Amino acid sequence: MTSPQPSRAEVIALRATGRPTVPVASVQGSLALDLTPRSAPPRPRLRSARTNDLVVVATATRAQVDAFVGRYLQAAVEVAAGDRPVTQVLRHTVPEVYDRLAERARAVATVAGPAQGVVRSPNPARPVVVGVRTALIRDDAVEASAHVRYGRRSRAVAARFELVRDRWQCVALVWG
């Protein structure tokens, strides 16, 4: 018995002469629309007010401090609500505040119900920091208060940040 000979097919070039080549897109084969439901709340622009500064600082530096404080407080309220892991604020939190925040997150997880390892559905009333007021009270200390919306409810959060080893760290966090 003889083995069948492979048939030789004629190869047709895909590029016709005279046509420009088109670069391959980085998203080739996928849709441009993302139809998955959003799990994160919309990020509104924070209204920031700094009327109580006791120290004069450069405008660019002050803007960086305000942006950091707003991002940190948003992360902290999401941790407290159980929507974000507490480890995400570890680098900018002193151990005492970190432990209290982790304890608060554990309490929320316990009340929320599901056992560990089970993914919770997104919180329908995720917390959103609407406004932040900061006061630079020393060259190395900032006090801040934030207006936080939980659906239709509002809460207040107060925090103090200090430069610890050349990094802003939260040294006090109080929930109102």
N, C-alpha and C. Protein backbone atom coordinates (compact mmCIF):
# COMPACT_ATOMS: atom_id res chain seq x y z
N MET A 1 0.84 -1.17 0.00
CA MET A 1 0.00 0.00 0.00
C MET A 1 0.88 1.23 0.00
N THR A 2 0.59 2.15 -0.84
CA THR A 2 1.40 3.35 -0.96
C THR A 2 0.74 4.49 -0.19
N SER A 3 1.57 5.33 0.40
CA SER A 3 1.04 6.46 1.15
C SER A 3 0.62 7.55 0.18
N PRO A 4 -0.48 8.25 0.50
CA PRO A 4 -0.95 9.29 -0.40
C PRO A 4 0.04 10.45 -0.44
N GLN A 5 0.27 10.97 -1.58
CA GLN A 5 1.16 12.10 -1.77
C GLN A 5 0.42 13.38 -1.37
N PRO A 6 1.10 14.24 -0.62
CA PRO A 6 0.42 15.49 -0.28
C PRO A 6 0.16 16.30 -1.54
N SER A 7 -1.01 16.86 -1.58
CA SER A 7 -1.35 17.66 -2.76
C SER A 7 -0.67 19.00 -2.64
N ARG A 8 -0.25 19.50 -3.72
CA ARG A 8 0.43 20.79 -3.74
C ARG A 8 -0.58 21.84 -4.19
N ALA A 9 -0.88 22.75 -3.26
CA ALA A 9 -1.83 23.81 -3.58
C ALA A 9 -1.08 25.05 -4.04
N GLU A 10 -1.70 25.77 -4.88
CA GLU A 10 -1.12 27.00 -5.35
C GLU A 10 -1.32 28.08 -4.28
N VAL A 11 -0.28 28.81 -3.94
CA VAL A 11 -0.35 29.86 -2.92
C VAL A 11 -0.72 31.17 -3.59
N ILE A 12 -1.73 31.81 -3.05
CA ILE A 12 -2.20 33.08 -3.59
C ILE A 12 -1.76 34.18 -2.64
N ALA A 13 -1.03 35.10 -3.13
CA ALA A 13 -0.55 36.21 -2.30
C ALA A 13 -1.73 37.09 -1.88
N LEU A 14 -1.76 37.46 -0.61
CA LEU A 14 -2.85 38.29 -0.11
C LEU A 14 -2.68 39.75 -0.47
N ARG A 15 -1.47 40.17 -0.66
CA ARG A 15 -1.22 41.56 -1.00
C ARG A 15 -1.22 41.73 -2.50
N ALA A 16 -2.07 42.55 -2.95
CA ALA A 16 -2.07 42.87 -4.38
C ALA A 16 -1.07 43.99 -4.60
N THR A 17 -0.44 43.94 -5.70
CA THR A 17 0.53 44.98 -6.00
C THR A 17 -0.18 46.31 -6.20
N GLY A 18 0.45 47.35 -5.72
CA GLY A 18 -0.12 48.67 -5.88
C GLY A 18 -1.01 49.10 -4.73
N ARG A 19 -1.38 48.19 -3.79
CA ARG A 19 -2.22 48.56 -2.65
C ARG A 19 -1.33 48.88 -1.45
N PRO A 20 -1.65 49.90 -0.69
CA PRO A 20 -0.84 50.23 0.48
C PRO A 20 -1.04 49.18 1.58
N THR A 21 0.01 48.94 2.35
CA THR A 21 -0.10 48.01 3.47
C THR A 21 -0.70 48.74 4.66
N VAL A 22 -1.52 48.04 5.40
CA VAL A 22 -2.18 48.61 6.57
C VAL A 22 -1.56 47.97 7.80
N PRO A 23 -1.14 48.77 8.79
CA PRO A 23 -0.56 48.17 9.99
C PRO A 23 -1.61 47.39 10.77
N VAL A 24 -1.16 46.36 11.48
CA VAL A 24 -2.06 45.53 12.26
C VAL A 24 -2.41 46.27 13.54
N ALA A 25 -3.68 46.33 13.85
CA ALA A 25 -4.13 47.02 15.05
C ALA A 25 -3.82 46.19 16.28
N SER A 26 -3.59 46.87 17.41
CA SER A 26 -3.27 46.15 18.64
C SER A 26 -4.48 45.45 19.22
N VAL A 27 -5.69 45.81 18.81
CA VAL A 27 -6.89 45.18 19.33
C VAL A 27 -7.58 44.34 18.25
N GLN A 28 -6.79 43.84 17.34
CA GLN A 28 -7.36 43.07 16.24
C GLN A 28 -8.11 41.86 16.79
N GLY A 29 -9.30 41.66 16.29
CA GLY A 29 -10.10 40.51 16.69
C GLY A 29 -10.98 40.76 17.91
N SER A 30 -10.97 41.95 18.45
CA SER A 30 -11.83 42.23 19.59
C SER A 30 -12.71 43.43 19.29
N LEU A 31 -13.79 43.52 20.00
CA LEU A 31 -14.71 44.63 19.79
C LEU A 31 -14.20 45.89 20.47
N ALA A 32 -14.55 47.00 19.95
CA ALA A 32 -14.15 48.26 20.54
C ALA A 32 -15.05 48.65 21.71
N LEU A 33 -16.20 48.00 21.84
CA LEU A 33 -17.13 48.33 22.91
C LEU A 33 -16.93 47.39 24.09
N ASP A 34 -16.98 47.94 25.28
CA ASP A 34 -16.92 47.14 26.49
C ASP A 34 -18.32 47.15 27.09
N LEU A 35 -19.03 46.06 26.95
CA LEU A 35 -20.43 46.01 27.40
C LEU A 35 -20.58 45.38 28.77
N THR A 36 -19.47 45.14 29.48
CA THR A 36 -19.56 44.58 30.82
C THR A 36 -20.05 45.66 31.77
N PRO A 37 -20.80 45.27 32.81
CA PRO A 37 -21.31 46.29 33.73
C PRO A 37 -20.17 46.94 34.50
N ARG A 38 -20.33 48.21 34.79
CA ARG A 38 -19.31 48.92 35.56
C ARG A 38 -19.38 48.49 37.01
N SER A 39 -18.24 48.20 37.58
CA SER A 39 -18.21 47.84 38.99
C SER A 39 -17.67 48.97 39.84
N ALA A 40 -17.14 49.99 39.22
CA ALA A 40 -16.60 51.12 39.97
C ALA A 40 -17.51 52.33 39.80
N PRO A 41 -17.61 53.15 40.83
CA PRO A 41 -18.44 54.34 40.70
C PRO A 41 -17.75 55.35 39.80
N PRO A 42 -18.52 56.24 39.22
CA PRO A 42 -17.88 57.30 38.44
C PRO A 42 -17.03 58.16 39.37
N ARG A 43 -15.91 58.61 38.86
CA ARG A 43 -14.99 59.41 39.68
C ARG A 43 -15.24 60.89 39.42
N PRO A 44 -15.99 61.54 40.32
CA PRO A 44 -16.21 62.96 40.11
C PRO A 44 -14.95 63.75 40.43
N ARG A 45 -14.86 64.93 39.89
CA ARG A 45 -13.74 65.79 40.26
C ARG A 45 -13.95 66.24 41.69
N LEU A 46 -12.92 66.14 42.49
CA LEU A 46 -13.02 66.55 43.88
C LEU A 46 -13.00 68.07 43.98
N ARG A 47 -13.90 68.56 44.76
CA ARG A 47 -13.84 69.98 45.08
C ARG A 47 -12.89 70.12 46.25
N SER A 48 -11.89 70.90 46.09
CA SER A 48 -10.90 71.05 47.15
C SER A 48 -10.85 72.50 47.59
N ALA A 49 -10.84 72.68 48.90
CA ALA A 49 -10.73 74.04 49.45
C ALA A 49 -9.60 74.05 50.45
N ARG A 50 -8.79 75.06 50.40
CA ARG A 50 -7.68 75.17 51.34
C ARG A 50 -7.62 76.59 51.87
N THR A 51 -8.54 76.90 52.71
CA THR A 51 -8.64 78.26 53.21
C THR A 51 -7.95 78.42 54.56
N ASN A 52 -7.57 77.33 55.19
CA ASN A 52 -7.05 77.40 56.55
C ASN A 52 -5.56 77.08 56.64
N ASP A 53 -4.81 77.31 55.59
CA ASP A 53 -3.38 77.01 55.62
C ASP A 53 -2.67 77.92 56.61
N LEU A 54 -1.79 77.32 57.41
CA LEU A 54 -0.97 78.07 58.33
C LEU A 54 0.45 78.25 57.80
N VAL A 55 0.76 77.52 56.70
CA VAL A 55 2.08 77.56 56.08
C VAL A 55 1.90 77.83 54.60
N VAL A 56 2.79 78.64 54.04
CA VAL A 56 2.73 78.94 52.61
C VAL A 56 3.62 77.94 51.88
N VAL A 57 3.03 77.32 50.83
CA VAL A 57 3.75 76.32 50.04
C VAL A 57 3.54 76.65 48.56
N ALA A 58 4.45 76.17 47.73
CA ALA A 58 4.32 76.38 46.28
C ALA A 58 3.01 75.77 45.79
N THR A 59 2.41 76.39 44.79
CA THR A 59 1.12 75.95 44.26
C THR A 59 1.18 74.52 43.71
N ALA A 60 2.26 74.20 43.00
CA ALA A 60 2.38 72.85 42.42
C ALA A 60 2.49 71.80 43.52
N THR A 61 3.26 72.08 44.54
CA THR A 61 3.40 71.14 45.66
C THR A 61 2.07 70.98 46.37
N ARG A 62 1.37 72.09 46.56
CA ARG A 62 0.07 72.05 47.24
C ARG A 62 -0.93 71.23 46.45
N ALA A 63 -0.92 71.35 45.13
CA ALA A 63 -1.83 70.58 44.28
C ALA A 63 -1.53 69.09 44.39
N GLN A 64 -0.25 68.73 44.47
CA GLN A 64 0.12 67.32 44.63
C GLN A 64 -0.37 66.77 45.96
N VAL A 65 -0.24 67.55 47.02
CA VAL A 65 -0.71 67.12 48.34
C VAL A 65 -2.22 66.93 48.32
N ASP A 66 -2.95 67.88 47.73
CA ASP A 66 -4.40 67.76 47.65
C ASP A 66 -4.82 66.52 46.87
N ALA A 67 -4.15 66.26 45.76
CA ALA A 67 -4.48 65.08 44.94
C ALA A 67 -4.21 63.80 45.73
N PHE A 68 -3.09 63.75 46.43
CA PHE A 68 -2.78 62.56 47.23
C PHE A 68 -3.83 62.33 48.31
N VAL A 69 -4.18 63.40 49.03
CA VAL A 69 -5.16 63.28 50.11
C VAL A 69 -6.51 62.80 49.57
N GLY A 70 -6.95 63.33 48.44
CA GLY A 70 -8.21 62.90 47.84
C GLY A 70 -8.18 61.43 47.44
N ARG A 71 -7.09 60.99 46.80
CA ARG A 71 -6.97 59.58 46.40
C ARG A 71 -6.92 58.67 47.61
N TYR A 72 -6.18 59.07 48.63
CA TYR A 72 -6.07 58.24 49.82
C TYR A 72 -7.43 58.10 50.51
N LEU A 73 -8.13 59.21 50.69
CA LEU A 73 -9.42 59.15 51.37
C LEU A 73 -10.44 58.33 50.57
N GLN A 74 -10.41 58.42 49.25
CA GLN A 74 -11.29 57.58 48.43
C GLN A 74 -10.97 56.11 48.65
N ALA A 75 -9.69 55.78 48.66
CA ALA A 75 -9.29 54.39 48.90
C ALA A 75 -9.68 53.94 50.29
N ALA A 76 -9.51 54.80 51.28
CA ALA A 76 -9.83 54.43 52.66
C ALA A 76 -11.32 54.16 52.86
N VAL A 77 -12.18 54.99 52.26
CA VAL A 77 -13.62 54.74 52.42
C VAL A 77 -14.05 53.49 51.66
N GLU A 78 -13.39 53.18 50.55
CA GLU A 78 -13.69 51.93 49.84
C GLU A 78 -13.23 50.72 50.63
N VAL A 79 -12.10 50.84 51.33
CA VAL A 79 -11.63 49.76 52.20
C VAL A 79 -12.63 49.55 53.33
N ALA A 80 -13.06 50.65 53.95
CA ALA A 80 -13.99 50.56 55.06
C ALA A 80 -15.33 49.98 54.64
N ALA A 81 -15.72 50.18 53.39
CA ALA A 81 -16.98 49.64 52.89
C ALA A 81 -16.83 48.20 52.40
N GLY A 82 -15.61 47.69 52.37
CA GLY A 82 -15.38 46.32 51.93
C GLY A 82 -15.24 46.17 50.43
N ASP A 83 -15.07 47.26 49.70
CA ASP A 83 -14.97 47.22 48.25
C ASP A 83 -13.52 47.18 47.75
N ARG A 84 -12.56 47.30 48.64
CA ARG A 84 -11.15 47.35 48.25
C ARG A 84 -10.35 46.65 49.34
N PRO A 85 -9.29 45.93 48.98
CA PRO A 85 -8.47 45.29 50.02
C PRO A 85 -7.68 46.33 50.81
N VAL A 86 -7.55 46.09 52.09
CA VAL A 86 -6.88 47.04 52.98
C VAL A 86 -5.40 47.17 52.65
N THR A 87 -4.83 46.19 52.01
CA THR A 87 -3.40 46.24 51.70
C THR A 87 -3.06 47.36 50.72
N GLN A 88 -4.04 47.90 50.02
CA GLN A 88 -3.76 48.96 49.06
C GLN A 88 -3.39 50.29 49.71
N VAL A 89 -3.65 50.44 51.00
CA VAL A 89 -3.28 51.67 51.68
C VAL A 89 -2.13 51.45 52.66
N LEU A 90 -1.54 50.28 52.64
CA LEU A 90 -0.48 49.93 53.58
C LEU A 90 0.70 50.89 53.53
N ARG A 91 1.12 51.24 52.36
CA ARG A 91 2.32 52.06 52.19
C ARG A 91 2.17 53.46 52.78
N HIS A 92 0.96 53.97 52.81
CA HIS A 92 0.74 55.35 53.25
C HIS A 92 -0.06 55.43 54.55
N THR A 93 0.05 54.39 55.38
CA THR A 93 -0.70 54.36 56.63
C THR A 93 0.21 53.86 57.74
N VAL A 94 0.18 54.54 58.88
CA VAL A 94 0.96 54.07 60.02
C VAL A 94 0.29 52.81 60.58
N PRO A 95 1.04 51.93 61.26
CA PRO A 95 0.48 50.64 61.70
C PRO A 95 -0.79 50.73 62.54
N GLU A 96 -0.89 51.72 63.43
CA GLU A 96 -2.09 51.81 64.29
C GLU A 96 -3.34 52.08 63.46
N VAL A 97 -3.26 53.01 62.54
CA VAL A 97 -4.40 53.36 61.68
C VAL A 97 -4.71 52.18 60.75
N TYR A 98 -3.68 51.54 60.22
CA TYR A 98 -3.87 50.39 59.33
C TYR A 98 -4.62 49.27 60.05
N ASP A 99 -4.24 48.99 61.30
CA ASP A 99 -4.92 47.93 62.06
C ASP A 99 -6.39 48.26 62.30
N ARG A 100 -6.68 49.52 62.64
CA ARG A 100 -8.08 49.90 62.85
C ARG A 100 -8.89 49.84 61.56
N LEU A 101 -8.25 50.23 60.45
CA LEU A 101 -8.94 50.17 59.15
C LEU A 101 -9.19 48.71 58.75
N ALA A 102 -8.22 47.84 58.99
CA ALA A 102 -8.39 46.41 58.68
C ALA A 102 -9.48 45.81 59.55
N GLU A 103 -9.54 46.22 60.80
CA GLU A 103 -10.59 45.73 61.71
C GLU A 103 -11.97 46.18 61.23
N ARG A 104 -12.05 47.41 60.77
CA ARG A 104 -13.32 47.93 60.25
C ARG A 104 -13.75 47.16 59.00
N ALA A 105 -12.80 46.88 58.12
CA ALA A 105 -13.09 46.12 56.89
C ALA A 105 -13.54 44.69 57.23
N ARG A 106 -12.90 44.07 58.23
CA ARG A 106 -13.32 42.72 58.65
C ARG A 106 -14.73 42.73 59.21
N ALA A 107 -15.06 43.77 59.98
CA ALA A 107 -16.41 43.87 60.54
C ALA A 107 -17.44 44.00 59.44
N VAL A 108 -17.15 44.80 58.43
CA VAL A 108 -18.07 44.95 57.30
C VAL A 108 -18.21 43.63 56.55
N ALA A 109 -17.10 42.93 56.35
CA ALA A 109 -17.14 41.65 55.64
C ALA A 109 -17.96 40.63 56.42
N THR A 110 -17.87 40.65 57.74
CA THR A 110 -18.64 39.74 58.58
C THR A 110 -20.13 40.03 58.47
N VAL A 111 -20.49 41.29 58.51
CA VAL A 111 -21.90 41.68 58.41
C VAL A 111 -22.44 41.41 57.02
N ALA A 112 -21.59 41.58 55.98
CA ALA A 112 -22.03 41.41 54.60
C ALA A 112 -22.47 39.98 54.31
N GLY A 113 -21.95 39.02 55.04
CA GLY A 113 -22.47 37.67 54.89
C GLY A 113 -21.59 36.61 54.29
N PRO A 114 -21.17 36.69 53.03
CA PRO A 114 -20.51 35.56 52.41
C PRO A 114 -19.24 35.14 53.14
N ALA A 115 -18.95 33.86 53.05
CA ALA A 115 -17.75 33.33 53.67
C ALA A 115 -16.52 33.80 52.91
N GLN A 116 -15.36 33.63 53.55
CA GLN A 116 -14.12 34.02 52.90
C GLN A 116 -13.93 33.21 51.63
N GLY A 117 -13.38 33.84 50.61
CA GLY A 117 -13.14 33.16 49.35
C GLY A 117 -14.31 33.27 48.39
N VAL A 118 -15.46 33.70 48.86
CA VAL A 118 -16.62 33.88 48.00
C VAL A 118 -16.67 35.34 47.57
N VAL A 119 -16.80 35.56 46.30
CA VAL A 119 -16.80 36.92 45.77
C VAL A 119 -18.15 37.56 46.05
N ARG A 120 -18.10 38.74 46.64
CA ARG A 120 -19.30 39.51 46.93
C ARG A 120 -19.72 40.28 45.69
N SER A 121 -21.00 40.48 45.54
CA SER A 121 -21.45 41.31 44.42
C SER A 121 -21.09 42.76 44.73
N PRO A 122 -20.95 43.60 43.71
CA PRO A 122 -20.58 44.99 43.95
C PRO A 122 -21.58 45.69 44.86
N ASN A 123 -21.07 46.53 45.72
CA ASN A 123 -21.89 47.28 46.64
C ASN A 123 -22.78 48.26 45.86
N PRO A 124 -24.09 48.18 46.01
CA PRO A 124 -24.96 49.08 45.23
C PRO A 124 -24.80 50.55 45.63
N ALA A 125 -24.37 50.81 46.85
CA ALA A 125 -24.18 52.18 47.30
C ALA A 125 -22.72 52.38 47.67
N ARG A 126 -21.86 52.31 46.66
CA ARG A 126 -20.43 52.46 46.92
C ARG A 126 -20.12 53.87 47.38
N PRO A 127 -19.19 53.99 48.29
CA PRO A 127 -18.85 55.33 48.79
C PRO A 127 -18.05 56.13 47.76
N VAL A 128 -18.37 57.41 47.66
CA VAL A 128 -17.68 58.30 46.75
C VAL A 128 -17.32 59.57 47.52
N VAL A 129 -16.05 59.93 47.50
CA VAL A 129 -15.62 61.17 48.13
C VAL A 129 -16.01 62.32 47.21
N VAL A 130 -16.88 63.17 47.70
CA VAL A 130 -17.41 64.27 46.89
C VAL A 130 -16.55 65.52 47.04
N GLY A 131 -16.16 65.81 48.25
CA GLY A 131 -15.38 67.02 48.48
C GLY A 131 -14.35 66.80 49.56
N VAL A 132 -13.24 67.50 49.44
CA VAL A 132 -12.16 67.41 50.42
C VAL A 132 -11.72 68.81 50.80
N ARG A 133 -11.55 69.05 52.08
CA ARG A 133 -10.99 70.31 52.57
C ARG A 133 -9.70 69.97 53.28
N THR A 134 -8.64 70.65 52.91
CA THR A 134 -7.33 70.39 53.51
C THR A 134 -6.78 71.66 54.13
N ALA A 135 -5.98 71.47 55.17
CA ALA A 135 -5.31 72.58 55.82
C ALA A 135 -3.88 72.16 56.11
N LEU A 136 -2.95 72.87 55.53
CA LEU A 136 -1.54 72.61 55.77
C LEU A 136 -1.18 73.33 57.07
N ILE A 137 -1.00 72.57 58.15
CA ILE A 137 -0.78 73.20 59.44
C ILE A 137 0.70 73.31 59.80
N ARG A 138 1.53 72.51 59.16
CA ARG A 138 2.99 72.61 59.27
C ARG A 138 3.56 72.20 57.93
N ASP A 139 4.85 72.38 57.75
CA ASP A 139 5.48 71.95 56.50
C ASP A 139 5.34 70.44 56.29
N ASP A 140 5.19 69.70 57.38
CA ASP A 140 5.15 68.25 57.29
C ASP A 140 3.85 67.66 57.82
N ALA A 141 2.78 68.47 57.88
CA ALA A 141 1.50 67.96 58.40
C ALA A 141 0.32 68.61 57.69
N VAL A 142 -0.63 67.76 57.31
CA VAL A 142 -1.85 68.21 56.64
C VAL A 142 -3.03 67.59 57.36
N GLU A 143 -4.05 68.39 57.63
CA GLU A 143 -5.30 67.86 58.17
C GLU A 143 -6.36 68.01 57.09
N ALA A 144 -7.21 66.99 56.99
CA ALA A 144 -8.21 66.98 55.92
C ALA A 144 -9.55 66.49 56.44
N SER A 145 -10.60 66.99 55.83
CA SER A 145 -11.94 66.47 56.09
C SER A 145 -12.57 66.19 54.73
N ALA A 146 -13.40 65.17 54.69
CA ALA A 146 -14.01 64.79 53.42
C ALA A 146 -15.50 64.56 53.58
N HIS A 147 -16.23 64.93 52.55
CA HIS A 147 -17.66 64.65 52.46
C HIS A 147 -17.79 63.39 51.61
N VAL A 148 -18.37 62.33 52.18
CA VAL A 148 -18.47 61.04 51.50
C VAL A 148 -19.94 60.72 51.30
N ARG A 149 -20.30 60.35 50.07
CA ARG A 149 -21.68 59.94 49.75
C ARG A 149 -21.76 58.43 49.66
N TYR A 150 -22.71 57.85 50.36
CA TYR A 150 -23.04 56.43 50.27
C TYR A 150 -24.45 56.37 49.71
N GLY A 151 -24.59 56.30 48.41
CA GLY A 151 -25.93 56.35 47.82
C GLY A 151 -26.54 57.70 48.10
N ARG A 152 -27.63 57.71 48.87
CA ARG A 152 -28.28 58.98 49.22
C ARG A 152 -27.83 59.52 50.57
N ARG A 153 -27.03 58.75 51.29
CA ARG A 153 -26.56 59.18 52.60
C ARG A 153 -25.20 59.83 52.52
N SER A 154 -24.90 60.64 53.52
CA SER A 154 -23.61 61.32 53.58
C SER A 154 -22.92 61.01 54.90
N ARG A 155 -21.61 61.01 54.86
CA ARG A 155 -20.81 60.85 56.07
C ARG A 155 -19.63 61.80 55.98
N ALA A 156 -18.95 61.92 57.09
CA ALA A 156 -17.74 62.75 57.12
C ALA A 156 -16.57 61.89 57.56
N VAL A 157 -15.42 62.19 57.03
CA VAL A 157 -14.18 61.53 57.41
C VAL A 157 -13.15 62.61 57.65
N ALA A 158 -12.41 62.48 58.74
CA ALA A 158 -11.33 63.42 59.03
C ALA A 158 -10.04 62.63 59.10
N ALA A 159 -8.97 63.23 58.63
CA ALA A 159 -7.68 62.54 58.62
C ALA A 159 -6.56 63.53 58.86
N ARG A 160 -5.46 63.00 59.35
CA ARG A 160 -4.24 63.79 59.50
C ARG A 160 -3.12 63.03 58.82
N PHE A 161 -2.37 63.74 58.00
CA PHE A 161 -1.24 63.16 57.27
C PHE A 161 0.03 63.87 57.70
N GLU A 162 1.09 63.10 57.89
CA GLU A 162 2.39 63.65 58.24
C GLU A 162 3.44 63.02 57.36
N LEU A 163 4.52 63.76 57.15
CA LEU A 163 5.65 63.21 56.41
C LEU A 163 6.42 62.29 57.36
N VAL A 164 6.42 61.02 57.05
CA VAL A 164 7.16 60.02 57.83
C VAL A 164 8.15 59.38 56.87
N ARG A 165 9.44 59.54 57.15
CA ARG A 165 10.50 59.01 56.28
C ARG A 165 10.27 59.44 54.82
N ASP A 166 10.07 60.74 54.62
CA ASP A 166 9.91 61.35 53.29
C ASP A 166 8.72 60.82 52.51
N ARG A 167 7.69 60.38 53.19
CA ARG A 167 6.47 59.90 52.52
C ARG A 167 5.27 60.35 53.34
N TRP A 168 4.23 60.85 52.65
CA TRP A 168 3.00 61.21 53.35
C TRP A 168 2.34 59.94 53.87
N GLN A 169 2.02 59.94 55.16
CA GLN A 169 1.35 58.80 55.76
C GLN A 169 0.19 59.29 56.62
N CYS A 170 -0.87 58.51 56.61
CA CYS A 170 -2.04 58.84 57.43
C CYS A 170 -1.75 58.41 58.87
N VAL A 171 -1.78 59.38 59.79
CA VAL A 171 -1.48 59.08 61.18
C VAL A 171 -2.75 59.11 62.04
N ALA A 172 -3.85 59.59 61.48
CA ALA A 172 -5.14 59.58 62.21
C ALA A 172 -6.26 59.55 61.19
N LEU A 173 -7.27 58.74 61.49
CA LEU A 173 -8.43 58.62 60.60
C LEU A 173 -9.67 58.46 61.48
N VAL A 174 -10.61 59.40 61.37
CA VAL A 174 -11.81 59.41 62.20
C VAL A 174 -13.03 59.43 61.31
N TRP A 175 -13.99 58.58 61.62
CA TRP A 175 -15.24 58.48 60.83
C TRP A 175 -16.34 59.21 61.57
N GLY A 176 -17.11 60.01 60.85
CA GLY A 176 -18.19 60.76 61.45
C GLY A 176 -19.53 60.26 61.02
